[in-house]
Structures are given as structure tokens and as C-alpha cells.
């Protein structure tokens, strides 16, 4: 009887651990170009050709009044760091980095948006 109680207790704890780990899985949906958002989490301001762009979690924005509009990554713009989850791809001997459909190449300490 005692071993049966211990078995049920272990099974309950194991089930609770599985449930907790399943709740930590987060699926991020990235907005389409032209989507207007009110706030951006910790945006980095990047000035490119006299225009301010905002870069946060791999998504590029432009300011419109008090809101932000999702836009395409400007070609040639430089960023210091890429978000986690970027993929390294070798094309014709060139090492490129891809994140959410945007291609980057490493140049010194920066990453530059390129067209592939």
C-alpha cells in the first residue's frame, strides 16, 4: 500500500513537471509589414540615410506619431547584434545569417542587411 502511494506521488510530480514545461513554450507571431503597434519592447534606434528605424527582436519599425509601423529591413543598415535564433547559411562560400526572412552579412563587429 505504501509503495502504491509513493508511485502515485511520483507520477503526480512527473505530470506536474511536464505541465509546467509545456506552459513555458512560447510561439511568437511576427507582424506583417504595415502593421501599426503602440509600443515596442526595448527598441534600438538605428539611423540609416537620415531616417530613424527602430529594431526590436528582429523586427524593424518606423515611427509614425506616437505609434510604430512594421517595415522592411533597409538594405545596407548596420546592427551590432542579431537576435537569438538566427541561422548561419553558407551561399557560394559566403557566410550569411538569416533571421525571420532577413539576410545579414558580418562586417567587422556589425551585421549588414543584404539582398540575397
PDB file of N, CA and C in Angstrom:
ATOM      1  N   UNK A   1       0.821  -1.191   0.000  1.00  0.00           N
ATOM      2  CA  UNK A   1       0.000   0.000   0.000  1.00  0.00           C
ATOM      3  C   UNK A   1       0.870   1.263   0.000  1.00  0.00           C
ATOM      4  N   UNK A   2       1.926   1.235   0.832  1.00  0.00           N
ATOM      5  CA  UNK A   2       2.813   2.385   0.926  1.00  0.00           C
ATOM      6  C   UNK A   2       3.542   2.623  -0.400  1.00  0.00           C
ATOM      7  N   UNK A   3       3.985   1.568  -1.059  1.00  0.00           N
ATOM      8  CA  UNK A   3       4.691   1.716  -2.329  1.00  0.00           C
ATOM      9  C   UNK A   3       3.748   2.225  -3.426  1.00  0.00           C
ATOM     10  N   UNK A   4       2.471   1.879  -3.326  1.00  0.00           N
ATOM     11  CA  UNK A   4       1.482   2.366  -4.285  1.00  0.00           C
ATOM     12  C   UNK A   4       1.281   3.874  -4.129  1.00  0.00           C
ATOM     13  N   UNK A   5       1.259   4.356  -2.908  1.00  0.00           N
ATOM     14  CA  UNK A   5       1.122   5.797  -2.648  1.00  0.00           C
ATOM     15  C   UNK A   5       2.335   6.557  -3.184  1.00  0.00           C
ATOM     16  N   UNK A   6       3.517   5.983  -2.973  1.00  0.00           N
ATOM     17  CA  UNK A   6       4.743   6.611  -3.466  1.00  0.00           C
ATOM     18  C   UNK A   6       4.732   6.652  -4.986  1.00  0.00           C
ATOM     19  N   UNK A   7       4.280   5.580  -5.619  1.00  0.00           N
ATOM     20  CA  UNK A   7       4.190   5.540  -7.072  1.00  0.00           C
ATOM     21  C   UNK A   7       3.252   6.621  -7.599  1.00  0.00           C
ATOM     22  N   UNK A   8       2.078   6.765  -6.973  1.00  0.00           N
ATOM     23  CA  UNK A   8       1.130   7.811  -7.388  1.00  0.00           C
ATOM     24  C   UNK A   8       1.707   9.206  -7.168  1.00  0.00           C
ATOM     25  N   UNK A   9       2.435   9.392  -6.079  1.00  0.00           N
ATOM     26  CA  UNK A   9       3.054  10.689  -5.797  1.00  0.00           C
ATOM     27  C   UNK A   9       4.103  11.027  -6.851  1.00  0.00           C
ATOM     28  N   UNK A  10       4.920  10.052  -7.223  1.00  0.00           N
ATOM     29  CA  UNK A  10       5.950  10.264  -8.249  1.00  0.00           C
ATOM     30  C   UNK A  10       5.297  10.581  -9.587  1.00  0.00           C
ATOM     31  N   UNK A  11       4.227   9.853  -9.917  1.00  0.00           N
ATOM     32  CA  UNK A  11       3.527  10.109 -11.176  1.00  0.00           C
ATOM     33  C   UNK A  11       2.904  11.502 -11.184  1.00  0.00           C
ATOM     34  N   UNK A  12       2.355  11.939 -10.059  1.00  0.00           N
ATOM     35  CA  UNK A  12       1.754  13.270  -9.975  1.00  0.00           C
ATOM     36  C   UNK A  12       2.824  14.352 -10.140  1.00  0.00           C
ATOM     37  N   UNK A  13       3.969  14.171  -9.505  1.00  0.00           N
ATOM     38  CA  UNK A  13       5.058  15.147  -9.643  1.00  0.00           C
ATOM     39  C   UNK A  13       5.576  15.184 -11.075  1.00  0.00           C
ATOM     40  N   UNK A  14       5.718  14.020 -11.698  1.00  0.00           N
ATOM     41  CA  UNK A  14       6.180  13.964 -13.080  1.00  0.00           C
ATOM     42  C   UNK A  14       5.176  14.653 -14.009  1.00  0.00           C
ATOM     43  N   UNK A  15       3.895  14.422 -13.796  1.00  0.00           N
ATOM     44  CA  UNK A  15       2.852  15.088 -14.588  1.00  0.00           C
ATOM     45  C   UNK A  15       2.874  16.591 -14.404  1.00  0.00           C
ATOM     46  N   UNK A  16       3.095  17.046 -13.173  1.00  0.00           N
ATOM     47  CA  UNK A  16       3.173  18.483 -12.908  1.00  0.00           C
ATOM     48  C   UNK A  16       4.370  19.103 -13.617  1.00  0.00           C
ATOM     49  N   UNK A  17       5.503  18.394 -13.634  1.00  0.00           N
ATOM     50  CA  UNK A  17       6.694  18.919 -14.314  1.00  0.00           C
ATOM     51  C   UNK A  17       6.456  19.029 -15.812  1.00  0.00           C
ATOM     52  N   UNK A  18       5.806  18.044 -16.395  1.00  0.00           N
ATOM     53  CA  UNK A  18       5.517  18.090 -17.832  1.00  0.00           C
ATOM     54  C   UNK A  18       4.583  19.258 -18.137  1.00  0.00           C
ATOM     55  N   UNK A  19       3.570  19.450 -17.295  1.00  0.00           N
ATOM     56  CA  UNK A  19       2.618  20.549 -17.495  1.00  0.00           C
ATOM     57  C   UNK A  19       3.324  21.896 -17.409  1.00  0.00           C
ATOM     58  N   UNK A  20       4.203  22.069 -16.444  1.00  0.00           N
ATOM     59  CA  UNK A  20       4.921  23.338 -16.303  1.00  0.00           C
ATOM     60  C   UNK A  20       5.841  23.598 -17.480  1.00  0.00           C
ATOM     61  N   UNK A  21       6.536  22.566 -17.951  1.00  0.00           N
ATOM     62  CA  UNK A  21       7.438  22.781 -19.078  1.00  0.00           C
ATOM     63  C   UNK A  21       6.655  23.072 -20.352  1.00  0.00           C
ATOM     64  N   UNK A  22       5.473  22.513 -20.501  1.00  0.00           N
ATOM     65  CA  UNK A  22       4.650  22.789 -21.677  1.00  0.00           C
ATOM     66  C   UNK A  22       4.175  24.239 -21.670  1.00  0.00           C
ATOM     67  N   UNK A  23       3.948  24.816 -20.502  1.00  0.00           N
ATOM     68  CA  UNK A  23       3.475  26.188 -20.415  1.00  0.00           C
ATOM     69  C   UNK A  23       4.580  27.189 -20.716  1.00  0.00           C
ATOM     70  N   UNK A  24       5.835  26.789 -20.667  1.00  0.00           N
ATOM     71  CA  UNK A  24       6.938  27.697 -20.954  1.00  0.00           C
ATOM     72  C   UNK A  24       7.168  27.868 -22.447  1.00  0.00           C
ATOM     73  N   UNK A  25       6.593  27.014 -23.263  1.00  0.00           N
ATOM     74  CA  UNK A  25       6.763  27.099 -24.705  1.00  0.00           C
ATOM     75  C   UNK A  25       5.984  28.300 -25.222  1.00  0.00           C
ATOM     76  N   UNK A  26       6.684  29.222 -25.869  1.00  0.00           N
ATOM     77  CA  UNK A  26       6.061  30.438 -26.367  1.00  0.00           C
ATOM     78  C   UNK A  26       6.201  30.473 -27.878  1.00  0.00           C
ATOM     79  N   UNK A  27       5.118  30.724 -28.557  1.00  0.00           N
ATOM     80  CA  UNK A  27       5.148  30.855 -30.001  1.00  0.00           C
ATOM     81  C   UNK A  27       4.995  32.333 -30.318  1.00  0.00           C
ATOM     82  N   UNK A  28       5.978  32.910 -30.988  1.00  0.00           N
ATOM     83  CA  UNK A  28       5.925  34.328 -31.330  1.00  0.00           C
ATOM     84  C   UNK A  28       5.411  34.488 -32.747  1.00  0.00           C
ATOM     85  N   UNK A  29       4.472  35.381 -32.890  1.00  0.00           N
ATOM     86  CA  UNK A  29       3.940  35.688 -34.210  1.00  0.00           C
ATOM     87  C   UNK A  29       4.462  37.072 -34.580  1.00  0.00           C
ATOM     88  N   UNK A  30       5.150  37.163 -35.698  1.00  0.00           N
ATOM     89  CA  UNK A  30       5.713  38.432 -36.112  1.00  0.00           C
ATOM     90  C   UNK A  30       4.728  39.157 -37.002  1.00  0.00           C
ATOM     91  N   UNK A  31       4.567  40.448 -36.775  1.00  0.00           N
ATOM     92  CA  UNK A  31       3.565  41.215 -37.518  1.00  0.00           C
ATOM     93  C   UNK A  31       3.958  41.419 -38.978  1.00  0.00           C
ATOM     94  N   UNK A  32       2.949  41.609 -39.818  1.00  0.00           N
ATOM     95  CA  UNK A  32       3.181  41.870 -41.241  1.00  0.00           C
ATOM     96  C   UNK A  32       3.596  43.318 -41.440  1.00  0.00           C
ATOM     97  N   UNK A  33       4.258  43.588 -42.565  1.00  0.00           N
ATOM     98  CA  UNK A  33       4.660  44.962 -42.883  1.00  0.00           C
ATOM     99  C   UNK A  33       3.414  45.827 -42.966  1.00  0.00           C
ATOM    100  N   UNK A  34       3.511  47.026 -42.383  1.00  0.00           N
ATOM    101  CA  UNK A  34       2.385  47.947 -42.380  1.00  0.00           C
ATOM    102  C   UNK A  34       1.553  47.868 -41.113  1.00  0.00           C
ATOM    103  N   UNK A  35       1.816  46.873 -40.271  1.00  0.00           N
ATOM    104  CA  UNK A  35       1.084  46.737 -39.022  1.00  0.00           C
ATOM    105  C   UNK A  35       1.481  47.871 -38.080  1.00  0.00           C
ATOM    106  N   UNK A  36       0.497  48.489 -37.446  1.00  0.00           N
ATOM    107  CA  UNK A  36       0.752  49.588 -36.514  1.00  0.00           C
ATOM    108  C   UNK A  36       0.686  49.038 -35.092  1.00  0.00           C
ATOM    109  N   UNK A  37       1.724  49.343 -34.305  1.00  0.00           N
ATOM    110  CA  UNK A  37       1.757  48.924 -32.906  1.00  0.00           C
ATOM    111  C   UNK A  37       1.961  50.156 -32.032  1.00  0.00           C
ATOM    112  N   UNK A  38       1.462  50.081 -30.800  1.00  0.00           N
ATOM    113  CA  UNK A  38       1.555  51.222 -29.880  1.00  0.00           C
ATOM    114  C   UNK A  38       2.894  51.277 -29.166  1.00  0.00           C
ATOM    115  N   UNK A  39       3.413  50.119 -28.787  1.00  0.00           N
ATOM    116  CA  UNK A  39       4.684  50.091 -28.056  1.00  0.00           C
ATOM    117  C   UNK A  39       5.602  49.023 -28.650  1.00  0.00           C
ATOM    118  N   UNK A  40       6.889  49.251 -28.480  1.00  0.00           N
ATOM    119  CA  UNK A  40       7.917  48.311 -28.921  1.00  0.00           C
ATOM    120  C   UNK A  40       8.809  48.045 -27.720  1.00  0.00           C
ATOM    121  N   UNK A  41       9.073  46.767 -27.444  1.00  0.00           N
ATOM    122  CA  UNK A  41       9.868  46.391 -26.277  1.00  0.00           C
ATOM    123  C   UNK A  41      11.346  46.654 -26.522  1.00  0.00           C
ATOM    124  N   UNK A  42      11.925  47.542 -25.752  1.00  0.00           N
ATOM    125  CA  UNK A  42      13.355  47.882 -25.792  1.00  0.00           C
ATOM    126  C   UNK A  42      13.879  48.091 -27.215  1.00  0.00           C
ATOM    127  N   UNK A  43      13.344  49.068 -27.947  1.00  0.00           N
ATOM    128  CA  UNK A  43      13.822  49.262 -29.323  1.00  0.00           C
ATOM    129  C   UNK A  43      15.213  49.900 -29.354  1.00  0.00           C
ATOM    130  N   UNK A  44      16.001  49.503 -30.343  1.00  0.00           N
ATOM    131  CA  UNK A  44      17.283  50.154 -30.605  1.00  0.00           C
ATOM    132  C   UNK A  44      17.080  51.095 -31.781  1.00  0.00           C
ATOM    133  N   UNK A  45      17.480  52.323 -31.618  1.00  0.00           N
ATOM    134  CA  UNK A  45      17.343  53.306 -32.694  1.00  0.00           C
ATOM    135  C   UNK A  45      18.539  53.156 -33.620  1.00  0.00           C
ATOM    136  N   UNK A  46      18.246  52.990 -34.914  1.00  0.00           N
ATOM    137  CA  UNK A  46      19.284  52.855 -35.931  1.00  0.00           C
ATOM    138  C   UNK A  46      19.013  53.919 -36.988  1.00  0.00           C
ATOM    139  N   UNK A  47      19.969  54.832 -37.177  1.00  0.00           N
ATOM    140  CA  UNK A  47      19.817  55.882 -38.182  1.00  0.00           C
ATOM    141  C   UNK A  47      20.438  55.387 -39.480  1.00  0.00           C
ATOM    142  N   UNK A  48      19.631  55.414 -40.546  1.00  0.00           N
ATOM    143  CA  UNK A  48      20.105  54.960 -41.852  1.00  0.00           C
ATOM    144  C   UNK A  48      19.576  55.922 -42.908  1.00  0.00           C
ATOM    145  N   UNK A  49      20.484  56.550 -43.633  1.00  0.00           N
ATOM    146  CA  UNK A  49      20.138  57.536 -44.663  1.00  0.00           C
ATOM    147  C   UNK A  49      19.176  58.595 -44.127  1.00  0.00           C
ATOM    148  N   UNK A  50      19.559  59.153 -42.976  1.00  0.00           N
ATOM    149  CA  UNK A  50      18.836  60.232 -42.305  1.00  0.00           C
ATOM    150  C   UNK A  50      17.414  59.858 -41.871  1.00  0.00           C
ATOM    151  N   UNK A  51      17.162  58.562 -41.723  1.00  0.00           N
ATOM    152  CA  UNK A  51      15.854  58.097 -41.261  1.00  0.00           C
ATOM    153  C   UNK A  51      16.055  57.237 -40.021  1.00  0.00           C
ATOM    154  N   UNK A  52      15.248  57.471 -39.000  1.00  0.00           N
ATOM    155  CA  UNK A  52      15.308  56.660 -37.789  1.00  0.00           C
ATOM    156  C   UNK A  52      14.500  55.382 -37.979  1.00  0.00           C
ATOM    157  N   UNK A  53      15.154  54.261 -37.749  1.00  0.00           N
ATOM    158  CA  UNK A  53      14.488  52.965 -37.735  1.00  0.00           C
ATOM    159  C   UNK A  53      14.613  52.423 -36.327  1.00  0.00           C
ATOM    160  N   UNK A  54      13.674  51.606 -35.941  1.00  0.00           N
ATOM    161  CA  UNK A  54      13.679  51.003 -34.615  1.00  0.00           C
ATOM    162  C   UNK A  54      13.738  49.495 -34.806  1.00  0.00           C
ATOM    163  N   UNK A  55      14.663  48.848 -34.103  1.00  0.00           N
ATOM    164  CA  UNK A  55      14.933  47.428 -34.253  1.00  0.00           C
ATOM    165  C   UNK A  55      14.699  46.751 -32.919  1.00  0.00           C
ATOM    166  N   UNK A  56      13.769  45.797 -32.881  1.00  0.00           N
ATOM    167  CA  UNK A  56      13.477  45.098 -31.634  1.00  0.00           C
ATOM    168  C   UNK A  56      13.091  43.658 -31.946  1.00  0.00           C
ATOM    169  N   UNK A  57      13.815  42.721 -31.358  1.00  0.00           N
ATOM    170  CA  UNK A  57      13.547  41.298 -31.500  1.00  0.00           C
ATOM    171  C   UNK A  57      13.448  40.864 -32.959  1.00  0.00           C
ATOM    172  N   UNK A  58      14.312  41.423 -33.800  1.00  0.00           N
ATOM    173  CA  UNK A  58      14.365  41.030 -35.195  1.00  0.00           C
ATOM    174  C   UNK A  58      13.347  41.698 -36.097  1.00  0.00           C
ATOM    175  N   UNK A  59      12.536  42.587 -35.558  1.00  0.00           N
ATOM    176  CA  UNK A  59      11.510  43.278 -36.340  1.00  0.00           C
ATOM    177  C   UNK A  59      11.915  44.744 -36.487  1.00  0.00           C
ATOM    178  N   UNK A  60      11.735  45.288 -37.695  1.00  0.00           N
ATOM    179  CA  UNK A  60      12.085  46.671 -37.996  1.00  0.00           C
ATOM    180  C   UNK A  60      10.835  47.543 -38.004  1.00  0.00           C
ATOM    181  N   UNK A  61      10.946  48.736 -37.420  1.00  0.00           N
ATOM    182  CA  UNK A  61       9.830  49.673 -37.325  1.00  0.00           C
ATOM    183  C   UNK A  61      10.263  51.067 -37.758  1.00  0.00           C
ATOM    184  N   UNK A  62       9.278  51.873 -38.154  1.00  0.00           N
ATOM    185  CA  UNK A  62       9.444  53.312 -38.333  1.00  0.00           C
ATOM    186  C   UNK A  62       8.437  53.980 -37.410  1.00  0.00           C
ATOM    187  N   UNK A  63       8.793  55.150 -36.903  1.00  0.00           N
ATOM    188  CA  UNK A  63       7.873  55.875 -36.038  1.00  0.00           C
ATOM    189  C   UNK A  63       6.838  56.609 -36.890  1.00  0.00           C
ATOM    190  N   UNK A  64       5.610  56.592 -36.416  1.00  0.00           N
ATOM    191  CA  UNK A  64       4.539  57.352 -37.046  1.00  0.00           C
ATOM    192  C   UNK A  64       3.731  57.962 -35.909  1.00  0.00           C
ATOM    193  N   UNK A  65       4.035  59.227 -35.619  1.00  0.00           N
ATOM    194  CA  UNK A  65       3.393  59.871 -34.470  1.00  0.00           C
ATOM    195  C   UNK A  65       3.837  59.188 -33.193  1.00  0.00           C
ATOM    196  N   UNK A  66       2.851  58.758 -32.403  1.00  0.00           N
ATOM    197  CA  UNK A  66       3.160  58.037 -31.155  1.00  0.00           C
ATOM    198  C   UNK A  66       3.199  56.528 -31.354  1.00  0.00           C
ATOM    199  N   UNK A  67       2.972  56.069 -32.543  1.00  0.00           N
ATOM    200  CA  UNK A  67       2.934  54.634 -32.837  1.00  0.00           C
ATOM    201  C   UNK A  67       4.151  54.222 -33.656  1.00  0.00           C
ATOM    202  N   UNK A  68       4.259  52.928 -33.882  1.00  0.00           N
ATOM    203  CA  UNK A  68       5.320  52.370 -34.713  1.00  0.00           C
ATOM    204  C   UNK A  68       4.672  51.552 -35.835  1.00  0.00           C
ATOM    205  N   UNK A  69       5.276  51.592 -37.013  1.00  0.00           N
ATOM    206  CA  UNK A  69       4.792  50.831 -38.157  1.00  0.00           C
ATOM    207  C   UNK A  69       5.858  49.814 -38.539  1.00  0.00           C
ATOM    208  N   UNK A  70       5.448  48.549 -38.667  1.00  0.00           N
ATOM    209  CA  UNK A  70       6.374  47.495 -39.077  1.00  0.00           C
ATOM    210  C   UNK A  70       6.770  47.745 -40.528  1.00  0.00           C
ATOM    211  N   UNK A  71       8.081  47.715 -40.802  1.00  0.00           N
ATOM    212  CA  UNK A  71       8.560  47.976 -42.158  1.00  0.00           C
ATOM    213  C   UNK A  71       9.602  46.937 -42.551  1.00  0.00           C
ATOM    214  N   UNK A  72       9.972  46.942 -43.816  1.00  0.00           N
ATOM    215  CA  UNK A  72      11.025  46.051 -44.303  1.00  0.00           C
ATOM    216  C   UNK A  72      12.375  46.537 -43.774  1.00  0.00           C
ATOM    217  N   UNK A  73      13.285  45.609 -43.613  1.00  0.00           N
ATOM    218  CA  UNK A  73      14.624  45.981 -43.175  1.00  0.00           C
ATOM    219  C   UNK A  73      15.299  46.780 -44.281  1.00  0.00           C
ATOM    220  N   UNK A  74      15.840  47.960 -43.969  1.00  0.00           N
ATOM    221  CA  UNK A  74      16.506  48.761 -45.003  1.00  0.00           C
ATOM    222  C   UNK A  74      17.831  48.126 -45.424  1.00  0.00           C
ATOM    223  N   UNK A  75      18.029  47.966 -46.722  1.00  0.00           N
ATOM    224  CA  UNK A  75      19.270  47.383 -47.226  1.00  0.00           C
ATOM    225  C   UNK A  75      20.460  48.248 -46.856  1.00  0.00           C
ATOM    226  N   UNK A  76      21.523  47.603 -46.391  1.00  0.00           N
ATOM    227  CA  UNK A  76      22.740  48.318 -46.052  1.00  0.00           C
ATOM    228  C   UNK A  76      22.796  48.823 -44.621  1.00  0.00           C
ATOM    229  N   UNK A  77      21.727  48.692 -43.870  1.00  0.00           N
ATOM    230  CA  UNK A  77      21.735  49.172 -42.494  1.00  0.00           C
ATOM    231  C   UNK A  77      22.587  48.236 -41.641  1.00  0.00           C
ATOM    232  N   UNK A  78      23.259  48.797 -40.647  1.00  0.00           N
ATOM    233  CA  UNK A  78      24.152  48.031 -39.781  1.00  0.00           C
ATOM    234  C   UNK A  78      23.550  47.900 -38.394  1.00  0.00           C
ATOM    235  N   UNK A  79      23.651  46.690 -37.833  1.00  0.00           N
ATOM    236  CA  UNK A  79      23.266  46.459 -36.445  1.00  0.00           C
ATOM    237  C   UNK A  79      24.412  45.761 -35.742  1.00  0.00           C
ATOM    238  N   UNK A  80      24.511  45.982 -34.466  1.00  0.00           N
ATOM    239  CA  UNK A  80      25.627  45.428 -33.692  1.00  0.00           C
ATOM    240  C   UNK A  80      25.400  43.950 -33.354  1.00  0.00           C
ATOM    241  N   UNK A  81      24.165  43.591 -33.001  1.00  0.00           N
ATOM    242  CA  UNK A  81      23.865  42.218 -32.594  1.00  0.00           C
ATOM    243  C   UNK A  81      22.617  41.712 -33.301  1.00  0.00           C
ATOM    244  N   UNK A  82      22.589  40.425 -33.552  1.00  0.00           N
ATOM    245  CA  UNK A  82      21.399  39.786 -34.101  1.00  0.00           C
ATOM    246  C   UNK A  82      20.652  39.092 -32.967  1.00  0.00           C
ATOM    247  N   UNK A  83      19.343  38.957 -33.110  1.00  0.00           N
ATOM    248  CA  UNK A  83      18.588  38.242 -32.077  1.00  0.00           C
ATOM    249  C   UNK A  83      18.989  36.771 -32.021  1.00  0.00           C
ATOM    250  N   UNK A  84      18.728  36.150 -30.884  1.00  0.00           N
ATOM    251  CA  UNK A  84      18.973  34.715 -30.762  1.00  0.00           C
ATOM    252  C   UNK A  84      18.071  33.972 -31.718  1.00  0.00           C
ATOM    253  N   UNK A  85      18.553  32.891 -32.219  1.00  0.00           N
ATOM    254  CA  UNK A  85      17.756  32.085 -33.128  1.00  0.00           C
ATOM    255  C   UNK A  85      18.101  32.311 -34.590  1.00  0.00           C
ATOM    256  N   UNK A  86      19.103  33.156 -34.861  1.00  0.00           N
ATOM    257  CA  UNK A  86      19.492  33.357 -36.262  1.00  0.00           C
ATOM    258  C   UNK A  86      20.188  32.105 -36.773  1.00  0.00           C
ATOM    259  N   UNK A  87      20.081  31.884 -38.062  1.00  0.00           N
ATOM    260  CA  UNK A  87      20.666  30.701 -38.698  1.00  0.00           C
ATOM    261  C   UNK A  87      21.864  31.117 -39.538  1.00  0.00           C
ATOM    262  N   UNK A  88      22.929  30.336 -39.475  1.00  0.00           N
ATOM    263  CA  UNK A  88      24.115  30.575 -40.300  1.00  0.00           C
ATOM    264  C   UNK A  88      23.959  29.756 -41.572  1.00  0.00           C
ATOM    265  N   UNK A  89      24.089  30.420 -42.724  1.00  0.00           N
ATOM    266  CA  UNK A  89      23.933  29.766 -44.015  1.00  0.00           C
ATOM    267  C   UNK A  89      25.140  30.137 -44.877  1.00  0.00           C
ATOM    268  N   UNK A  90      25.726  29.159 -45.550  1.00  0.00           N
ATOM    269  CA  UNK A  90      26.841  29.423 -46.458  1.00  0.00           C
ATOM    270  C   UNK A  90      26.309  29.332 -47.887  1.00  0.00           C
ATOM    271  N   UNK A  91      26.407  30.448 -48.626  1.00  0.00           N
ATOM    272  CA  UNK A  91      25.954  30.519 -50.012  1.00  0.00           C
ATOM    273  C   UNK A  91      27.133  30.957 -50.870  1.00  0.00           C
ATOM    274  N   UNK A  92      27.519  30.117 -51.824  1.00  0.00           N
ATOM    275  CA  UNK A  92      28.659  30.396 -52.702  1.00  0.00           C
ATOM    276  C   UNK A  92      29.915  30.766 -51.915  1.00  0.00           C
ATOM    277  N   UNK A  93      30.141  30.087 -50.813  1.00  0.00           N
ATOM    278  CA  UNK A  93      31.309  30.338 -49.994  1.00  0.00           C
ATOM    279  C   UNK A  93      31.190  31.538 -49.070  1.00  0.00           C
ATOM    280  N   UNK A  94      30.056  32.260 -49.137  1.00  0.00           N
ATOM    281  CA  UNK A  94      29.834  33.420 -48.252  1.00  0.00           C
ATOM    282  C   UNK A  94      29.026  32.993 -47.047  1.00  0.00           C
ATOM    283  N   UNK A  95      29.489  33.371 -45.873  1.00  0.00           N
ATOM    284  CA  UNK A  95      28.778  33.065 -44.640  1.00  0.00           C
ATOM    285  C   UNK A  95      27.763  34.169 -44.383  1.00  0.00           C
ATOM    286  N   UNK A  96      26.482  33.810 -44.408  1.00  0.00           N
ATOM    287  CA  UNK A  96      25.405  34.770 -44.172  1.00  0.00           C
ATOM    288  C   UNK A  96      24.584  34.323 -42.976  1.00  0.00           C
ATOM    289  N   UNK A  97      23.839  35.253 -42.412  1.00  0.00           N
ATOM    290  CA  UNK A  97      22.990  34.981 -41.264  1.00  0.00           C
ATOM    291  C   UNK A  97      21.564  35.328 -41.648  1.00  0.00           C
ATOM    292  N   UNK A  98      20.629  34.445 -41.290  1.00  0.00           N
ATOM    293  CA  UNK A  98      19.229  34.664 -41.637  1.00  0.00           C
ATOM    294  C   UNK A  98      18.391  34.662 -40.374  1.00  0.00           C
ATOM    295  N   UNK A  99      17.526  35.663 -40.261  1.00  0.00           N
ATOM    296  CA  UNK A  99      16.603  35.716 -39.133  1.00  0.00           C
ATOM    297  C   UNK A  99      15.272  36.252 -39.623  1.00  0.00           C
ATOM    298  N   UNK A 100      14.248  35.424 -39.533  1.00  0.00           N
ATOM    299  CA  UNK A 100      12.885  35.782 -39.920  1.00  0.00           C
ATOM    300  C   UNK A 100      12.816  36.363 -41.326  1.00  0.00           C
ATOM    301  N   UNK A 101      13.547  35.740 -42.255  1.00  0.00           N
ATOM    302  CA  UNK A 101      13.489  36.141 -43.651  1.00  0.00           C
ATOM    303  C   UNK A 101      14.384  37.308 -44.026  1.00  0.00           C
ATOM    304  N   UNK A 102      15.141  37.838 -43.082  1.00  0.00           N
ATOM    305  CA  UNK A 102      16.056  38.947 -43.349  1.00  0.00           C
ATOM    306  C   UNK A 102      17.478  38.396 -43.337  1.00  0.00           C
ATOM    307  N   UNK A 103      18.246  38.740 -44.378  1.00  0.00           N
ATOM    308  CA  UNK A 103      19.614  38.244 -44.526  1.00  0.00           C
ATOM    309  C   UNK A 103      20.616  39.290 -44.073  1.00  0.00           C
ATOM    310  N   UNK A 104      21.636  38.840 -43.344  1.00  0.00           N
ATOM    311  CA  UNK A 104      22.695  39.710 -42.843  1.00  0.00           C
ATOM    312  C   UNK A 104      24.039  39.111 -43.211  1.00  0.00           C
ATOM    313  N   UNK A 105      25.043  39.985 -43.397  1.00  0.00           N
ATOM    314  CA  UNK A 105      26.420  39.511 -43.520  1.00  0.00           C
ATOM    315  C   UNK A 105      27.233  40.210 -42.451  1.00  0.00           C
ATOM    316  N   UNK A 106      28.242  39.520 -41.963  1.00  0.00           N
ATOM    317  CA  UNK A 106      29.090  40.086 -40.909  1.00  0.00           C
ATOM    318  C   UNK A 106      30.141  40.971 -41.539  1.00  0.00           C
ATOM    319  N   UNK A 107      30.311  42.147 -40.965  1.00  0.00           N
ATOM    320  CA  UNK A 107      31.320  43.087 -41.427  1.00  0.00           C
ATOM    321  C   UNK A 107      31.963  43.706 -40.193  1.00  0.00           C
ATOM    322  N   UNK A 108      33.133  43.211 -39.832  1.00  0.00           N
ATOM    323  CA  UNK A 108      33.778  43.690 -38.609  1.00  0.00           C
ATOM    324  C   UNK A 108      32.968  43.254 -37.403  1.00  0.00           C
ATOM    325  N   UNK A 109      32.556  44.234 -36.588  1.00  0.00           N
ATOM    326  CA  UNK A 109      31.745  43.931 -35.415  1.00  0.00           C
ATOM    327  C   UNK A 109      30.247  44.049 -35.690  1.00  0.00           C
ATOM    328  N   UNK A 110      29.894  44.456 -36.887  1.00  0.00           N
ATOM    329  CA  UNK A 110      28.483  44.694 -37.217  1.00  0.00           C
ATOM    330  C   UNK A 110      27.944  43.640 -38.166  1.00  0.00           C
ATOM    331  N   UNK A 111      26.625  43.658 -38.302  1.00  0.00           N
ATOM    332  CA  UNK A 111      25.926  42.848 -39.287  1.00  0.00           C
ATOM    333  C   UNK A 111      25.188  43.806 -40.224  1.00  0.00           C
ATOM    334  N   UNK A 112      25.287  43.570 -41.518  1.00  0.00           N
ATOM    335  CA  UNK A 112      24.691  44.462 -42.522  1.00  0.00           C
ATOM    336  C   UNK A 112      23.572  43.719 -43.234  1.00  0.00           C
ATOM    337  N   UNK A 113      22.422  44.386 -43.406  1.00  0.00           N
ATOM    338  CA  UNK A 113      21.296  43.801 -44.127  1.00  0.00           C
ATOM    339  C   UNK A 113      21.656  43.743 -45.604  1.00  0.00           C
ATOM    340  N   UNK A 114      21.521  42.554 -46.207  1.00  0.00           N
ATOM    341  CA  UNK A 114      21.857  42.369 -47.614  1.00  0.00           C
ATOM    342  C   UNK A 114      20.682  41.735 -48.342  1.00  0.00           C
ATOM    343  N   UNK A 115      20.719  41.815 -49.662  1.00  0.00           N
ATOM    344  CA  UNK A 115      19.717  41.197 -50.510  1.00  0.00           C
ATOM    345  C   UNK A 115      20.321  39.920 -51.072  1.00  0.00           C
ATOM    346  N   UNK A 116      19.636  38.813 -50.963  1.00  0.00           N
ATOM    347  CA  UNK A 116      20.166  37.531 -51.451  1.00  0.00           C
ATOM    348  C   UNK A 116      19.355  37.079 -52.651  1.00  0.00           C
TER     349      UNK A 116
END
